[in-house]
N, C-alpha and C. Protein backbone atom coordinates (compact mmCIF):
# COMPACT_ATOMS: atom_id res chain seq x y z
N MET A 1 -15.05 15.70 -3.44
CA MET A 1 -14.91 14.94 -2.91
C MET A 1 -13.80 15.02 -2.40
N SER A 2 -13.78 15.18 -0.80
CA SER A 2 -12.73 15.16 0.08
C SER A 2 -11.96 14.02 0.56
N VAL A 3 -10.93 14.42 0.88
CA VAL A 3 -9.93 13.08 1.27
C VAL A 3 -10.98 12.32 2.40
N GLU A 4 -11.45 13.49 3.58
CA GLU A 4 -12.09 12.49 4.36
C GLU A 4 -13.13 11.61 4.06
N HIS A 5 -13.85 12.09 2.77
CA HIS A 5 -14.41 11.03 2.71
C HIS A 5 -14.28 9.87 1.67
N ALA A 6 -13.09 9.95 1.48
CA ALA A 6 -12.76 8.76 0.44
C ALA A 6 -12.67 8.09 1.01
N PRO A 7 -12.54 6.10 0.17
CA PRO A 7 -12.32 5.58 0.92
C PRO A 7 -10.70 5.07 1.38
N PRO A 8 -10.52 4.38 2.10
CA PRO A 8 -9.46 4.17 3.45
C PRO A 8 -8.29 4.24 2.12
N GLU A 9 -8.56 3.26 0.95
CA GLU A 9 -7.47 3.09 0.10
C GLU A 9 -6.93 4.24 -0.49
N VAL A 10 -7.68 4.81 -1.09
CA VAL A 10 -7.23 6.34 -1.38
C VAL A 10 -6.84 7.23 -0.21
N GLN A 11 -7.10 6.95 0.76
CA GLN A 11 -6.65 8.30 1.80
C GLN A 11 -5.30 7.00 1.78
N LEU A 12 -4.82 6.49 1.79
CA LEU A 12 -3.90 6.05 2.44
C LEU A 12 -3.12 6.44 1.42
N ALA A 13 -3.52 6.03 -0.31
CA ALA A 13 -2.45 6.32 -1.31
C ALA A 13 -2.22 8.11 -1.28
N VAL A 14 -2.99 8.50 -0.91
CA VAL A 14 -3.12 10.14 -0.76
C VAL A 14 -1.46 10.32 0.49
N ASP A 15 -1.61 9.45 1.32
CA ASP A 15 -0.93 9.90 2.69
C ASP A 15 0.55 9.37 2.06
N LEU A 16 0.62 8.09 1.35
CA LEU A 16 1.95 7.37 1.13
C LEU A 16 2.39 8.81 -0.33
N ILE A 17 1.75 9.13 -1.12
CA ILE A 17 2.25 10.09 -2.13
C ILE A 17 3.03 11.38 -1.30
N TYR A 18 2.00 11.93 -0.27
CA TYR A 18 2.45 12.97 0.80
C TYR A 18 4.17 12.90 1.11
N LEU A 19 4.27 11.54 1.89
CA LEU A 19 5.21 11.00 2.46
C LEU A 19 6.58 10.94 1.59
N LEU A 20 6.16 10.20 0.50
CA LEU A 20 7.41 10.03 -0.80
C LEU A 20 7.85 11.32 -1.41
N GLU A 21 6.69 12.06 -1.46
CA GLU A 21 6.64 13.57 -2.31
C GLU A 21 7.73 14.50 -0.95
N CYS A 22 7.52 14.55 0.13
CA CYS A 22 8.02 15.30 1.47
C CYS A 22 9.50 14.93 1.55
N ASN A 23 9.89 13.28 1.29
CA ASN A 23 11.02 13.43 1.54
C ASN A 23 11.80 12.54 0.33
N GLU A 24 11.93 13.62 -0.91
CA GLU A 24 11.83 14.00 -2.15
C GLU A 24 12.17 12.51 -2.50
N ILE A 25 11.84 11.34 -3.02
CA ILE A 25 12.22 10.18 -3.28
C ILE A 25 11.73 10.24 -4.57
N ALA A 26 12.72 9.74 -5.44
CA ALA A 26 12.89 9.50 -6.75
C ALA A 26 11.90 8.78 -7.48
N PRO A 27 10.97 8.71 -8.33
CA PRO A 27 10.04 8.10 -8.46
C PRO A 27 10.30 6.68 -9.08
N GLU A 28 11.92 6.35 -9.54
CA GLU A 28 11.85 4.93 -9.57
C GLU A 28 11.79 4.58 -8.10
N ILE A 29 12.62 5.00 -7.15
CA ILE A 29 12.73 4.50 -5.94
C ILE A 29 11.17 3.78 -5.06
N ALA A 30 10.76 5.06 -5.60
CA ALA A 30 9.57 4.73 -4.86
C ALA A 30 8.53 3.57 -5.47
N LEU A 31 8.64 3.24 -6.68
CA LEU A 31 8.04 2.40 -6.98
C LEU A 31 8.58 1.00 -7.12
N ALA A 32 9.85 1.07 -7.06
CA ALA A 32 10.36 -0.61 -6.72
C ALA A 32 10.06 -0.67 -5.37
N ALA A 33 10.37 0.14 -4.31
CA ALA A 33 9.83 -0.04 -2.67
C ALA A 33 8.19 -0.43 -2.71
N LEU A 34 7.68 -0.02 -3.74
CA LEU A 34 6.39 -0.33 -3.68
C LEU A 34 5.69 -1.34 -4.07
N GLU A 35 6.50 -1.89 -5.25
CA GLU A 35 6.36 -3.22 -5.46
C GLU A 35 6.97 -4.38 -4.54
N ILE A 36 7.98 -4.08 -3.69
CA ILE A 36 8.25 -4.81 -2.68
C ILE A 36 6.96 -4.82 -1.49
N VAL A 37 6.49 -3.51 -1.32
CA VAL A 37 5.13 -3.80 -0.39
C VAL A 37 3.79 -4.48 -1.13
N LYS A 38 4.04 -4.33 -2.79
CA LYS A 38 2.68 -5.32 -3.12
C LYS A 38 2.65 -6.78 -2.64
N HIS A 39 4.17 -7.22 -2.74
CA HIS A 39 4.52 -8.64 -2.94
C HIS A 39 4.54 -8.89 -1.63
N ASP A 40 4.82 -8.21 -0.52
CA ASP A 40 4.50 -8.85 0.96
C ASP A 40 3.42 -8.76 0.85
N TYR A 41 2.24 -7.74 1.12
CA TYR A 41 1.18 -8.04 1.01
C TYR A 41 0.21 -9.09 0.58
N GLN A 42 0.76 -9.32 -0.72
CA GLN A 42 0.08 -9.76 -1.49
C GLN A 42 0.42 -12.05 -0.80
N ALA A 43 1.50 -11.97 -0.33
CA ALA A 43 2.03 -12.87 0.41
C ALA A 43 1.48 -13.52 1.91
N LYS A 44 1.18 -11.93 2.47
CA LYS A 44 0.50 -11.87 3.55
C LYS A 44 -1.38 -12.16 3.50
N LEU A 45 -1.96 -11.76 2.17
CA LEU A 45 -3.14 -12.21 1.92
C LEU A 45 -3.41 -13.58 1.71
N THR A 46 -2.37 -14.32 0.87
CA THR A 46 -2.69 -15.78 0.24
C THR A 46 -2.11 -16.62 2.00
N LYS A 47 -1.41 -16.38 2.70
CA LYS A 47 -1.18 -16.77 3.55
C LYS A 47 -2.42 -17.32 5.39
N GLN A 48 -2.88 -15.55 5.00
CA GLN A 48 -4.60 -15.42 5.67
C GLN A 48 -5.23 -16.33 5.10
N SER A 49 -5.49 -16.31 3.79
CA SER A 49 -6.70 -16.99 3.09
C SER A 49 -6.42 -18.57 3.41
N GLN A 50 -5.04 -19.15 3.35
CA GLN A 50 -4.88 -20.73 3.56
C GLN A 50 -5.31 -20.59 5.09
N SER A 51 -4.65 -19.86 5.98
CA SER A 51 -5.44 -20.33 7.46
C SER A 51 -6.59 -20.23 7.72
N THR A 52 -7.09 -19.16 6.93
CA THR A 52 -9.01 -19.61 7.03
C THR A 52 -9.44 -20.74 6.57
N LYS A 53 -8.97 -21.05 5.49
CA LYS A 53 -9.51 -22.84 5.07
C LYS A 53 -9.01 -23.59 5.92
N GLU A 54 -8.25 -23.46 6.78
CA GLU A 54 -7.58 -24.72 7.52
C GLU A 54 -8.72 -24.77 8.55
N TYR A 55 -9.71 -23.83 9.35
CA TYR A 55 -10.82 -23.87 10.05
C TYR A 55 -12.05 -24.79 9.63
C-alpha cells in the first residue's frame, strides 16, 4: 500500500517521522514531545465533546 492511499493518520505519522528524522531529533526527545502533543489533543477532544453536549 502506498502512502497516498493510506488513511490520513498513517500519512501524518509518516510525515512526522520524516520531519523528526530529517532534523535528527533524538528518540527520547521525540517521544517526550509527542506525549505533550498527545495530552494537548486529548484535552482538545474533551473540550470539543463538552461543548457539543451543551447544545
